[in-house]
Amino acid sequence: MLFEAHGITKFVVICGYTDLRKGVVGLSQIIEGTFHMDPFEEKVLFLFCGRRGDRIKALLWEGNGFLLLYKRLEKGSLSWPRTAEEAVCLSKHPYRLLLQGLNPLRSAIQNVKPETTF
């Protein structure tokens, strides 16, 4: 489900560390309060990663409720962008690279605006 992401038009990576004990309300507050984005925007998948890099949470508004996805890697960890405290928008290909353990943002400029698409 997370890798295929059918119907998703925008992938927003929340860079840095996120406390993955947070649920729908806490993650929505991060999206709205810190990044001034709308968590109720349809077809937008918001991605969060914890400190260890082997767990990921995703939040998606489906029009009538939130879908909260959680994935734990059995081996290895994700190369999550850690340096910028920003939200970065990805297209489908860089999103897939990210979920394969690669960091498509590594060569990008450090301070990327949320409207930027890779």
PDB file of N, CA and C in Angstrom:
ATOM      1  N   MET A   1       0.818  -1.200   0.000  1.00  0.00           N
ATOM      2  CA  MET A   1       0.000   0.000   0.000  1.00  0.00           C
ATOM      3  C   MET A   1       0.858   1.259   0.000  1.00  0.00           C
ATOM      4  N   LEU A   2       1.787   1.357   0.935  1.00  0.00           N
ATOM      5  CA  LEU A   2       2.599   2.563   1.021  1.00  0.00           C
ATOM      6  C   LEU A   2       3.477   2.733  -0.209  1.00  0.00           C
ATOM      7  N   PHE A   3       4.034   1.634  -0.727  1.00  0.00           N
ATOM      8  CA  PHE A   3       4.941   1.740  -1.859  1.00  0.00           C
ATOM      9  C   PHE A   3       4.191   2.102  -3.139  1.00  0.00           C
ATOM     10  N   GLU A   4       3.044   1.509  -3.373  1.00  0.00           N
ATOM     11  CA  GLU A   4       2.294   1.766  -4.604  1.00  0.00           C
ATOM     12  C   GLU A   4       1.608   3.129  -4.592  1.00  0.00           C
ATOM     13  N   ALA A   5       0.913   3.452  -3.528  1.00  0.00           N
ATOM     14  CA  ALA A   5       0.262   4.754  -3.346  1.00  0.00           C
ATOM     15  C   ALA A   5      -0.605   5.153  -4.536  1.00  0.00           C
ATOM     16  N   HIS A   6      -1.532   4.292  -4.905  1.00  0.00           N
ATOM     17  CA  HIS A   6      -2.441   4.582  -6.011  1.00  0.00           C
ATOM     18  C   HIS A   6      -3.330   5.777  -5.696  1.00  0.00           C
ATOM     19  N   GLY A   7      -3.483   6.673  -6.639  1.00  0.00           N
ATOM     20  CA  GLY A   7      -4.366   7.816  -6.491  1.00  0.00           C
ATOM     21  C   GLY A   7      -3.760   9.007  -5.774  1.00  0.00           C
ATOM     22  N   ILE A   8      -2.565   8.858  -5.239  1.00  0.00           N
ATOM     23  CA  ILE A   8      -1.910   9.957  -4.533  1.00  0.00           C
ATOM     24  C   ILE A   8      -1.270  10.876  -5.571  1.00  0.00           C
ATOM     25  N   THR A   9      -1.509  12.178  -5.435  1.00  0.00           N
ATOM     26  CA  THR A   9      -0.950  13.139  -6.392  1.00  0.00           C
ATOM     27  C   THR A   9       0.240  13.910  -5.834  1.00  0.00           C
ATOM     28  N   LYS A  10       0.372  13.918  -4.514  1.00  0.00           N
ATOM     29  CA  LYS A  10       1.441  14.691  -3.884  1.00  0.00           C
ATOM     30  C   LYS A  10       1.925  13.946  -2.643  1.00  0.00           C
ATOM     31  N   PHE A  11       3.237  13.887  -2.482  1.00  0.00           N
ATOM     32  CA  PHE A  11       3.859  13.234  -1.339  1.00  0.00           C
ATOM     33  C   PHE A  11       4.631  14.300  -0.577  1.00  0.00           C
ATOM     34  N   VAL A  12       4.264  14.518   0.682  1.00  0.00           N
ATOM     35  CA  VAL A  12       4.921  15.544   1.486  1.00  0.00           C
ATOM     36  C   VAL A  12       5.746  14.862   2.564  1.00  0.00           C
ATOM     37  N   VAL A  13       7.061  15.043   2.482  1.00  0.00           N
ATOM     38  CA  VAL A  13       7.984  14.460   3.444  1.00  0.00           C
ATOM     39  C   VAL A  13       8.228  15.481   4.549  1.00  0.00           C
ATOM     40  N   ILE A  14       7.928  15.094   5.771  1.00  0.00           N
ATOM     41  CA  ILE A  14       8.228  15.929   6.922  1.00  0.00           C
ATOM     42  C   ILE A  14       9.647  15.568   7.349  1.00  0.00           C
ATOM     43  N   CYS A  15      10.604  16.438   7.001  1.00  0.00           N
ATOM     44  CA  CYS A  15      12.014  16.178   7.279  1.00  0.00           C
ATOM     45  C   CYS A  15      12.288  16.244   8.774  1.00  0.00           C
ATOM     46  N   GLY A  16      13.349  15.615   9.182  1.00  0.00           N
ATOM     47  CA  GLY A  16      13.726  15.604  10.586  1.00  0.00           C
ATOM     48  C   GLY A  16      13.066  14.451  11.316  1.00  0.00           C
ATOM     49  N   TYR A  17      13.116  14.499  12.642  1.00  0.00           N
ATOM     50  CA  TYR A  17      12.575  13.439  13.478  1.00  0.00           C
ATOM     51  C   TYR A  17      11.161  13.773  13.924  1.00  0.00           C
ATOM     52  N   THR A  18      10.299  12.766  13.943  1.00  0.00           N
ATOM     53  CA  THR A  18       8.940  12.927  14.441  1.00  0.00           C
ATOM     54  C   THR A  18       8.705  11.882  15.523  1.00  0.00           C
ATOM     55  N   ASP A  19       8.055  12.286  16.590  1.00  0.00           N
ATOM     56  CA  ASP A  19       7.673  11.350  17.642  1.00  0.00           C
ATOM     57  C   ASP A  19       6.531  10.495  17.095  1.00  0.00           C
ATOM     58  N   LEU A  20       6.822   9.247  16.778  1.00  0.00           N
ATOM     59  CA  LEU A  20       5.834   8.377  16.149  1.00  0.00           C
ATOM     60  C   LEU A  20       4.791   7.836  17.128  1.00  0.00           C
ATOM     61  N   ARG A  21       4.836   8.268  18.372  1.00  0.00           N
ATOM     62  CA  ARG A  21       3.751   7.927  19.295  1.00  0.00           C
ATOM     63  C   ARG A  21       2.525   8.774  18.996  1.00  0.00           C
ATOM     64  N   LYS A  22       2.707   9.840  18.223  1.00  0.00           N
ATOM     65  CA  LYS A  22       1.588  10.718  17.866  1.00  0.00           C
ATOM     66  C   LYS A  22       0.630   9.984  16.940  1.00  0.00           C
ATOM     67  N   GLY A  23      -0.637  10.312  17.093  1.00  0.00           N
ATOM     68  CA  GLY A  23      -1.675   9.745  16.250  1.00  0.00           C
ATOM     69  C   GLY A  23      -2.151  10.768  15.235  1.00  0.00           C
ATOM     70  N   VAL A  24      -3.362  10.585  14.757  1.00  0.00           N
ATOM     71  CA  VAL A  24      -3.934  11.461  13.733  1.00  0.00           C
ATOM     72  C   VAL A  24      -3.953  12.921  14.186  1.00  0.00           C
ATOM     73  N   VAL A  25      -4.409  13.182  15.390  1.00  0.00           N
ATOM     74  CA  VAL A  25      -4.521  14.563  15.874  1.00  0.00           C
ATOM     75  C   VAL A  25      -3.144  15.213  15.991  1.00  0.00           C
ATOM     76  N   GLY A  26      -2.198  14.520  16.604  1.00  0.00           N
ATOM     77  CA  GLY A  26      -0.858  15.071  16.787  1.00  0.00           C
ATOM     78  C   GLY A  26      -0.143  15.328  15.472  1.00  0.00           C
ATOM     79  N   LEU A  27      -0.246  14.399  14.527  1.00  0.00           N
ATOM     80  CA  LEU A  27       0.397  14.580  13.226  1.00  0.00           C
ATOM     81  C   LEU A  27      -0.280  15.705  12.437  1.00  0.00           C
ATOM     82  N   SER A  28      -1.597  15.800  12.535  1.00  0.00           N
ATOM     83  CA  SER A  28      -2.312  16.893  11.866  1.00  0.00           C
ATOM     84  C   SER A  28      -1.888  18.243  12.418  1.00  0.00           C
ATOM     85  N   GLN A  29      -1.664  18.308  13.721  1.00  0.00           N
ATOM     86  CA  GLN A  29      -1.213  19.556  14.332  1.00  0.00           C
ATOM     87  C   GLN A  29       0.174  19.948  13.841  1.00  0.00           C
ATOM     88  N   ILE A  30       1.049  18.981  13.619  1.00  0.00           N
ATOM     89  CA  ILE A  30       2.376  19.268  13.064  1.00  0.00           C
ATOM     90  C   ILE A  30       2.231  19.836  11.658  1.00  0.00           C
ATOM     91  N   ILE A  31       1.393  19.211  10.846  1.00  0.00           N
ATOM     92  CA  ILE A  31       1.191  19.651   9.458  1.00  0.00           C
ATOM     93  C   ILE A  31       0.666  21.080   9.426  1.00  0.00           C
ATOM     94  N   GLU A  32      -0.346  21.355  10.236  1.00  0.00           N
ATOM     95  CA  GLU A  32      -0.972  22.683  10.259  1.00  0.00           C
ATOM     96  C   GLU A  32      -0.129  23.715  10.989  1.00  0.00           C
ATOM     97  N   GLY A  33       0.264  23.396  12.204  1.00  0.00           N
ATOM     98  CA  GLY A  33       0.929  24.373  13.056  1.00  0.00           C
ATOM     99  C   GLY A  33       2.357  24.685  12.663  1.00  0.00           C
ATOM    100  N   THR A  34       3.141  23.666  12.354  1.00  0.00           N
ATOM    101  CA  THR A  34       4.553  23.870  12.037  1.00  0.00           C
ATOM    102  C   THR A  34       4.775  24.226  10.577  1.00  0.00           C
ATOM    103  N   PHE A  35       4.073  23.549   9.674  1.00  0.00           N
ATOM    104  CA  PHE A  35       4.338  23.719   8.250  1.00  0.00           C
ATOM    105  C   PHE A  35       3.273  24.517   7.514  1.00  0.00           C
ATOM    106  N   HIS A  36       2.223  24.928   8.212  1.00  0.00           N
ATOM    107  CA  HIS A  36       1.163  25.760   7.633  1.00  0.00           C
ATOM    108  C   HIS A  36       0.603  25.157   6.346  1.00  0.00           C
ATOM    109  N   MET A  37       0.375  23.848   6.402  1.00  0.00           N
ATOM    110  CA  MET A  37      -0.222  23.128   5.293  1.00  0.00           C
ATOM    111  C   MET A  37      -1.564  22.574   5.761  1.00  0.00           C
ATOM    112  N   ASP A  38      -2.390  22.165   4.821  1.00  0.00           N
ATOM    113  CA  ASP A  38      -3.733  21.671   5.126  1.00  0.00           C
ATOM    114  C   ASP A  38      -3.740  20.143   5.183  1.00  0.00           C
ATOM    115  N   PRO A  39      -3.897  19.539   6.370  1.00  0.00           N
ATOM    116  CA  PRO A  39      -3.924  18.075   6.446  1.00  0.00           C
ATOM    117  C   PRO A  39      -5.170  17.461   5.808  1.00  0.00           C
ATOM    118  N   PHE A  40      -6.187  18.306   5.527  1.00  0.00           N
ATOM    119  CA  PHE A  40      -7.424  17.827   4.918  1.00  0.00           C
ATOM    120  C   PHE A  40      -7.395  17.879   3.388  1.00  0.00           C
ATOM    121  N   GLU A  41      -6.256  18.186   2.817  1.00  0.00           N
ATOM    122  CA  GLU A  41      -6.130  18.212   1.358  1.00  0.00           C
ATOM    123  C   GLU A  41      -6.161  16.769   0.842  1.00  0.00           C
ATOM    124  N   GLU A  42      -7.076  16.504  -0.068  1.00  0.00           N
ATOM    125  CA  GLU A  42      -7.234  15.147  -0.579  1.00  0.00           C
ATOM    126  C   GLU A  42      -6.110  14.768  -1.533  1.00  0.00           C
ATOM    127  N   LYS A  43      -5.812  13.484  -1.578  1.00  0.00           N
ATOM    128  CA  LYS A  43      -4.797  12.888  -2.446  1.00  0.00           C
ATOM    129  C   LYS A  43      -3.383  13.354  -2.114  1.00  0.00           C
ATOM    130  N   VAL A  44      -3.179  13.797  -0.876  1.00  0.00           N
ATOM    131  CA  VAL A  44      -1.860  14.211  -0.406  1.00  0.00           C
ATOM    132  C   VAL A  44      -1.454  13.292   0.738  1.00  0.00           C
ATOM    133  N   LEU A  45      -0.316  12.639   0.591  1.00  0.00           N
ATOM    134  CA  LEU A  45       0.193  11.720   1.603  1.00  0.00           C
ATOM    135  C   LEU A  45       1.314  12.416   2.371  1.00  0.00           C
ATOM    136  N   PHE A  46       1.120  12.589   3.671  1.00  0.00           N
ATOM    137  CA  PHE A  46       2.119  13.205   4.537  1.00  0.00           C
ATOM    138  C   PHE A  46       2.925  12.087   5.193  1.00  0.00           C
ATOM    139  N   LEU A  47       4.245  12.163   5.090  1.00  0.00           N
ATOM    140  CA  LEU A  47       5.123  11.107   5.576  1.00  0.00           C
ATOM    141  C   LEU A  47       5.979  11.590   6.735  1.00  0.00           C
ATOM    142  N   PHE A  48       6.077  10.765   7.777  1.00  0.00           N
ATOM    143  CA  PHE A  48       6.834  11.079   8.985  1.00  0.00           C
ATOM    144  C   PHE A  48       7.754   9.900   9.301  1.00  0.00           C
ATOM    145  N   CYS A  49       8.923  10.190   9.861  1.00  0.00           N
ATOM    146  CA  CYS A  49       9.859   9.136  10.238  1.00  0.00           C
ATOM    147  C   CYS A  49      10.391   9.416  11.634  1.00  0.00           C
ATOM    148  N   GLY A  50      10.595   8.359  12.398  1.00  0.00           N
ATOM    149  CA  GLY A  50      11.125   8.490  13.751  1.00  0.00           C
ATOM    150  C   GLY A  50      12.638   8.565  13.759  1.00  0.00           C
ATOM    151  N   ARG A  51      13.199   8.631  14.942  1.00  0.00           N
ATOM    152  CA  ARG A  51      14.639   8.801  15.118  1.00  0.00           C
ATOM    153  C   ARG A  51      15.442   7.605  14.593  1.00  0.00           C
ATOM    154  N   ARG A  52      14.927   6.403  14.775  1.00  0.00           N
ATOM    155  CA  ARG A  52      15.683   5.206  14.387  1.00  0.00           C
ATOM    156  C   ARG A  52      15.700   4.968  12.884  1.00  0.00           C
ATOM    157  N   GLY A  53      14.740   5.506  12.162  1.00  0.00           N
ATOM    158  CA  GLY A  53      14.721   5.359  10.710  1.00  0.00           C
ATOM    159  C   GLY A  53      14.162   4.047  10.198  1.00  0.00           C
ATOM    160  N   ASP A  54      13.706   3.186  11.095  1.00  0.00           N
ATOM    161  CA  ASP A  54      13.159   1.905  10.637  1.00  0.00           C
ATOM    162  C   ASP A  54      11.634   1.872  10.694  1.00  0.00           C
ATOM    163  N   ARG A  55      11.046   3.017  11.060  1.00  0.00           N
ATOM    164  CA  ARG A  55       9.583   3.123  11.126  1.00  0.00           C
ATOM    165  C   ARG A  55       9.132   4.385  10.418  1.00  0.00           C
ATOM    166  N   ILE A  56       7.985   4.262   9.771  1.00  0.00           N
ATOM    167  CA  ILE A  56       7.439   5.391   9.035  1.00  0.00           C
ATOM    168  C   ILE A  56       5.935   5.440   9.283  1.00  0.00           C
ATOM    169  N   LYS A  57       5.400   6.645   9.408  1.00  0.00           N
ATOM    170  CA  LYS A  57       3.959   6.845   9.495  1.00  0.00           C
ATOM    171  C   LYS A  57       3.542   7.738   8.341  1.00  0.00           C
ATOM    172  N   ALA A  58       2.348   7.481   7.843  1.00  0.00           N
ATOM    173  CA  ALA A  58       1.806   8.283   6.751  1.00  0.00           C
ATOM    174  C   ALA A  58       0.372   8.658   7.109  1.00  0.00           C
ATOM    175  N   LEU A  59       0.006   9.862   6.754  1.00  0.00           N
ATOM    176  CA  LEU A  59      -1.333  10.370   7.040  1.00  0.00           C
ATOM    177  C   LEU A  59      -1.969  10.821   5.734  1.00  0.00           C
ATOM    178  N   LEU A  60      -3.206  10.380   5.505  1.00  0.00           N
ATOM    179  CA  LEU A  60      -3.918  10.679   4.274  1.00  0.00           C
ATOM    180  C   LEU A  60      -5.375  10.992   4.596  1.00  0.00           C
ATOM    181  N   TRP A  61      -5.863  12.127   4.112  1.00  0.00           N
ATOM    182  CA  TRP A  61      -7.277  12.479   4.245  1.00  0.00           C
ATOM    183  C   TRP A  61      -8.027  11.854   3.086  1.00  0.00           C
ATOM    184  N   GLU A  62      -9.078  11.079   3.369  1.00  0.00           N
ATOM    185  CA  GLU A  62      -9.835  10.390   2.327  1.00  0.00           C
ATOM    186  C   GLU A  62     -11.190  11.023   2.044  1.00  0.00           C
ATOM    187  N   GLY A  63     -11.399  12.235   2.514  1.00  0.00           N
ATOM    188  CA  GLY A  63     -12.656  12.918   2.249  1.00  0.00           C
ATOM    189  C   GLY A  63     -13.665  12.790   3.372  1.00  0.00           C
ATOM    190  N   ASN A  64     -13.665  11.637   4.036  1.00  0.00           N
ATOM    191  CA  ASN A  64     -14.590  11.443   5.152  1.00  0.00           C
ATOM    192  C   ASN A  64     -13.886  10.970   6.420  1.00  0.00           C
ATOM    193  N   GLY A  65     -12.570  10.925   6.377  1.00  0.00           N
ATOM    194  CA  GLY A  65     -11.788  10.509   7.535  1.00  0.00           C
ATOM    195  C   GLY A  65     -10.328  10.336   7.168  1.00  0.00           C
ATOM    196  N   PHE A  66      -9.496  10.216   8.191  1.00  0.00           N
ATOM    197  CA  PHE A  66      -8.062  10.043   7.975  1.00  0.00           C
ATOM    198  C   PHE A  66      -7.696   8.573   7.908  1.00  0.00           C
ATOM    199  N   LEU A  67      -6.717   8.283   7.091  1.00  0.00           N
ATOM    200  CA  LEU A  67      -6.100   6.968   7.036  1.00  0.00           C
ATOM    201  C   LEU A  67      -4.704   7.140   7.602  1.00  0.00           C
ATOM    202  N   LEU A  68      -4.388   6.393   8.648  1.00  0.00           N
ATOM    203  CA  LEU A  68      -3.075   6.447   9.279  1.00  0.00           C
ATOM    204  C   LEU A  68      -2.368   5.134   8.995  1.00  0.00           C
ATOM    205  N   LEU A  69      -1.254   5.216   8.294  1.00  0.00           N
ATOM    206  CA  LEU A  69      -0.491   4.027   7.929  1.00  0.00           C
ATOM    207  C   LEU A  69       0.799   3.990   8.730  1.00  0.00           C
ATOM    208  N   TYR A  70       1.228   2.800   9.072  1.00  0.00           N
ATOM    209  CA  TYR A  70       2.442   2.608   9.861  1.00  0.00           C
ATOM    210  C   TYR A  70       3.214   1.458   9.247  1.00  0.00           C
ATOM    211  N   LYS A  71       4.506   1.664   9.043  1.00  0.00           N
ATOM    212  CA  LYS A  71       5.323   0.594   8.494  1.00  0.00           C
ATOM    213  C   LYS A  71       6.595   0.489   9.312  1.00  0.00           C
ATOM    214  N   ARG A  72       6.970  -0.746   9.629  1.00  0.00           N
ATOM    215  CA  ARG A  72       8.217  -1.010  10.332  1.00  0.00           C
ATOM    216  C   ARG A  72       9.067  -1.917   9.463  1.00  0.00           C
ATOM    217  N   LEU A  73      10.289  -1.491   9.186  1.00  0.00           N
ATOM    218  CA  LEU A  73      11.206  -2.306   8.404  1.00  0.00           C
ATOM    219  C   LEU A  73      11.813  -3.377   9.294  1.00  0.00           C
ATOM    220  N   GLU A  74      11.881  -4.581   8.806  1.00  0.00           N
ATOM    221  CA  GLU A  74      12.484  -5.672   9.570  1.00  0.00           C
ATOM    222  C   GLU A  74      14.004  -5.611   9.526  1.00  0.00           C
ATOM    223  N   LYS A  75      14.558  -5.135   8.403  1.00  0.00           N
ATOM    224  CA  LYS A  75      16.020  -5.019   8.254  1.00  0.00           C
ATOM    225  C   LYS A  75      16.328  -3.660   7.661  1.00  0.00           C
ATOM    226  N   GLY A  76      17.380  -3.051   8.153  1.00  0.00           N
ATOM    227  CA  GLY A  76      17.818  -1.782   7.594  1.00  0.00           C
ATOM    228  C   GLY A  76      16.992  -0.608   8.094  1.00  0.00           C
ATOM    229  N   SER A  77      17.250   0.536   7.475  1.00  0.00           N
ATOM    230  CA  SER A  77      16.524   1.749   7.838  1.00  0.00           C
ATOM    231  C   SER A  77      16.424   2.661   6.623  1.00  0.00           C
ATOM    232  N   LEU A  78      15.537   3.629   6.731  1.00  0.00           N
ATOM    233  CA  LEU A  78      15.346   4.594   5.656  1.00  0.00           C
ATOM    234  C   LEU A  78      16.399   5.690   5.760  1.00  0.00           C
ATOM    235  N   SER A  79      16.827   6.190   4.632  1.00  0.00           N
ATOM    236  CA  SER A  79      17.747   7.322   4.597  1.00  0.00           C
ATOM    237  C   SER A  79      16.896   8.583   4.545  1.00  0.00           C
ATOM    238  N   TRP A  80      16.336   8.939   5.689  1.00  0.00           N
ATOM    239  CA  TRP A  80      15.377  10.039   5.776  1.00  0.00           C
ATOM    240  C   TRP A  80      16.095  11.370   5.823  1.00  0.00           C
ATOM    241  N   PRO A  81      15.595  12.378   5.103  1.00  0.00           N
ATOM    242  CA  PRO A  81      16.224  13.705   5.174  1.00  0.00           C
ATOM    243  C   PRO A  81      16.104  14.275   6.586  1.00  0.00           C
ATOM    244  N   ARG A  82      17.227  14.514   7.229  1.00  0.00           N
ATOM    245  CA  ARG A  82      17.236  14.917   8.637  1.00  0.00           C
ATOM    246  C   ARG A  82      17.640  16.366   8.864  1.00  0.00           C
ATOM    247  N   THR A  83      18.332  16.972   7.935  1.00  0.00           N
ATOM    248  CA  THR A  83      18.923  18.274   8.220  1.00  0.00           C
ATOM    249  C   THR A  83      17.933  19.422   8.170  1.00  0.00           C
ATOM    250  N   ALA A  84      16.999  19.395   7.261  1.00  0.00           N
ATOM    251  CA  ALA A  84      16.050  20.502   7.115  1.00  0.00           C
ATOM    252  C   ALA A  84      14.836  20.263   7.999  1.00  0.00           C
ATOM    253  N   GLU A  85      14.383  21.299   8.658  1.00  0.00           N
ATOM    254  CA  GLU A  85      13.162  21.220   9.460  1.00  0.00           C
ATOM    255  C   GLU A  85      12.015  21.771   8.620  1.00  0.00           C
ATOM    256  N   GLU A  86      11.806  21.164   7.471  1.00  0.00           N
ATOM    257  CA  GLU A  86      10.793  21.641   6.535  1.00  0.00           C
ATOM    258  C   GLU A  86      10.001  20.479   5.970  1.00  0.00           C
ATOM    259  N   ALA A  87       8.959  20.816   5.278  1.00  0.00           N
ATOM    260  CA  ALA A  87       8.184  19.833   4.528  1.00  0.00           C
ATOM    261  C   ALA A  87       8.609  19.948   3.072  1.00  0.00           C
ATOM    262  N   VAL A  88       8.843  18.817   2.431  1.00  0.00           N
ATOM    263  CA  VAL A  88       9.305  18.793   1.045  1.00  0.00           C
ATOM    264  C   VAL A  88       8.337  17.960   0.225  1.00  0.00           C
ATOM    265  N   CYS A  89       7.898  18.487  -0.901  1.00  0.00           N
ATOM    266  CA  CYS A  89       6.979  17.760  -1.775  1.00  0.00           C
ATOM    267  C   CYS A  89       7.766  16.947  -2.790  1.00  0.00           C
ATOM    268  N   LEU A  90       7.346  15.706  -2.966  1.00  0.00           N
ATOM    269  CA  LEU A  90       7.994  14.811  -3.920  1.00  0.00           C
ATOM    270  C   LEU A  90       7.001  14.353  -4.973  1.00  0.00           C
ATOM    271  N   SER A  91       7.525  14.002  -6.124  1.00  0.00           N
ATOM    272  CA  SER A  91       6.709  13.320  -7.120  1.00  0.00           C
ATOM    273  C   SER A  91       6.817  11.817  -6.844  1.00  0.00           C
ATOM    274  N   LYS A  92       6.166  11.006  -7.647  1.00  0.00           N
ATOM    275  CA  LYS A  92       6.081   9.574  -7.364  1.00  0.00           C
ATOM    276  C   LYS A  92       7.437   8.862  -7.415  1.00  0.00           C
ATOM    277  N   HIS A  93       8.277   9.184  -8.382  1.00  0.00           N
ATOM    278  CA  HIS A  93       9.567   8.481  -8.504  1.00  0.00           C
ATOM    279  C   HIS A  93      10.484   8.733  -7.301  1.00  0.00           C
ATOM    280  N   PRO A  94      10.736   9.996  -6.908  1.00  0.00           N
ATOM    281  CA  PRO A  94      11.557  10.206  -5.708  1.00  0.00           C
ATOM    282  C   PRO A  94      10.923   9.611  -4.442  1.00  0.00           C
ATOM    283  N   TYR A  95       9.599   9.606  -4.380  1.00  0.00           N
ATOM    284  CA  TYR A  95       8.908   8.989  -3.245  1.00  0.00           C
ATOM    285  C   TYR A  95       9.257   7.502  -3.161  1.00  0.00           C
ATOM    286  N   ARG A  96       9.224   6.819  -4.285  1.00  0.00           N
ATOM    287  CA  ARG A  96       9.565   5.396  -4.303  1.00  0.00           C
ATOM    288  C   ARG A  96      11.026   5.166  -3.926  1.00  0.00           C
ATOM    289  N   LEU A  97      11.911   6.053  -4.383  1.00  0.00           N
ATOM    290  CA  LEU A  97      13.322   5.952  -3.997  1.00  0.00           C
ATOM    291  C   LEU A  97      13.471   6.064  -2.484  1.00  0.00           C
ATOM    292  N   LEU A  98      12.737   6.983  -1.892  1.00  0.00           N
ATOM    293  CA  LEU A  98      12.784   7.185  -0.447  1.00  0.00           C
ATOM    294  C   LEU A  98      12.362   5.926   0.299  1.00  0.00           C
ATOM    295  N   LEU A  99      11.285   5.276  -0.166  1.00  0.00           N
ATOM    296  CA  LEU A  99      10.799   4.067   0.499  1.00  0.00           C
ATOM    297  C   LEU A  99      11.693   2.859   0.243  1.00  0.00           C
ATOM    298  N   GLN A 100      12.574   2.949  -0.753  1.00  0.00           N
ATOM    299  CA  GLN A 100      13.537   1.877  -1.005  1.00  0.00           C
ATOM    300  C   GLN A 100      14.798   2.048  -0.164  1.00  0.00           C
ATOM    301  N   GLY A 101      14.838   3.105   0.631  1.00  0.00           N
ATOM    302  CA  GLY A 101      15.987   3.332   1.495  1.00  0.00           C
ATOM    303  C   GLY A 101      16.971   4.347   0.960  1.00  0.00           C
ATOM    304  N   LEU A 102      16.682   4.953  -0.169  1.00  0.00           N
ATOM    305  CA  LEU A 102      17.547   5.976  -0.752  1.00  0.00           C
ATOM    306  C   LEU A 102      17.030   7.349  -0.374  1.00  0.00           C
ATOM    307  N   ASN A 103      17.893   8.332  -0.376  1.00  0.00           N
ATOM    308  CA  ASN A 103      17.477   9.690  -0.037  1.00  0.00           C
ATOM    309  C   ASN A 103      17.533  10.552  -1.297  1.00  0.00           C
ATOM    310  N   PRO A 104      16.401  10.778  -1.954  1.00  0.00           N
ATOM    311  CA  PRO A 104      16.400  11.587  -3.176  1.00  0.00           C
ATOM    312  C   PRO A 104      16.677  13.058  -2.906  1.00  0.00           C
ATOM    313  N   LEU A 105      16.722  13.465  -1.651  1.00  0.00           N
ATOM    314  CA  LEU A 105      16.958  14.861  -1.302  1.00  0.00           C
ATOM    315  C   LEU A 105      18.409  15.133  -0.960  1.00  0.00           C
ATOM    316  N   ARG A 106      19.237  14.122  -0.909  1.00  0.00           N
ATOM    317  CA  ARG A 106      20.619  14.271  -0.458  1.00  0.00           C
ATOM    318  C   ARG A 106      21.371  15.332  -1.252  1.00  0.00           C
ATOM    319  N   SER A 107      21.177  15.387  -2.547  1.00  0.00           N
ATOM    320  CA  SER A 107      21.898  16.360  -3.367  1.00  0.00           C
ATOM    321  C   SER A 107      21.127  17.664  -3.545  1.00  0.00           C
ATOM    322  N   ALA A 108      19.932  17.726  -2.975  1.00  0.00           N
ATOM    323  CA  ALA A 108      19.116  18.928  -3.129  1.00  0.00           C
ATOM    324  C   ALA A 108      19.597  20.034  -2.199  1.00  0.00           C
ATOM    325  N   ILE A 109      19.133  21.237  -2.453  1.00  0.00           N
ATOM    326  CA  ILE A 109      19.444  22.374  -1.608  1.00  0.00           C
ATOM    327  C   ILE A 109      18.828  22.148  -0.237  1.00  0.00           C
ATOM    328  N   GLN A 110      19.498  22.539   0.829  1.00  0.00           N
ATOM    329  CA  GLN A 110      19.045  22.278   2.192  1.00  0.00           C
ATOM    330  C   GLN A 110      17.671  22.856   2.490  1.00  0.00           C
ATOM    331  N   ASN A 111      17.417  24.102   2.176  1.00  0.00           N
ATOM    332  CA  ASN A 111      16.156  24.743   2.542  1.00  0.00           C
ATOM    333  C   ASN A 111      15.197  24.748   1.366  1.00  0.00           C
ATOM    334  N   VAL A 112      14.401  23.718   1.259  1.00  0.00           N
ATOM    335  CA  VAL A 112      13.460  23.570   0.160  1.00  0.00           C
ATOM    336  C   VAL A 112      12.087  23.997   0.641  1.00  0.00           C
ATOM    337  N   LYS A 113      11.394  24.794  -0.139  1.00  0.00           N
ATOM    338  CA  LYS A 113      10.042  25.239   0.213  1.00  0.00           C
ATOM    339  C   LYS A 113       9.048  24.130  -0.050  1.00  0.00           C
ATOM    340  N   PRO A 114       7.935  24.052   0.703  1.00  0.00           N
ATOM    341  CA  PRO A 114       6.947  22.995   0.523  1.00  0.00           C
ATOM    342  C   PRO A 114       6.364  22.929  -0.887  1.00  0.00           C
ATOM    343  N   GLU A 115       6.387  24.016  -1.617  1.00  0.00           N
ATOM    344  CA  GLU A 115       5.798  24.023  -2.955  1.00  0.00           C
ATOM    345  C   GLU A 115       6.718  23.377  -3.978  1.00  0.00           C
ATOM    346  N   THR A 116       7.975  23.132  -3.632  1.00  0.00           N
ATOM    347  CA  THR A 116       8.939  22.584  -4.560  1.00  0.00           C
ATOM    348  C   THR A 116       8.639  21.113  -4.818  1.00  0.00           C
ATOM    349  N   THR A 117       8.702  20.712  -6.066  1.00  0.00           N
ATOM    350  CA  THR A 117       8.466  19.337  -6.454  1.00  0.00           C
ATOM    351  C   THR A 117       9.721  18.786  -7.103  1.00  0.00           C
ATOM    352  N   PHE A 118      10.129  17.590  -6.699  1.00  0.00           N
ATOM    353  CA  PHE A 118      11.302  16.940  -7.279  1.00  0.00           C
ATOM    354  C   PHE A 118      10.871  15.916  -8.280  1.00  0.00           C
TER     355      PHE A 118
END
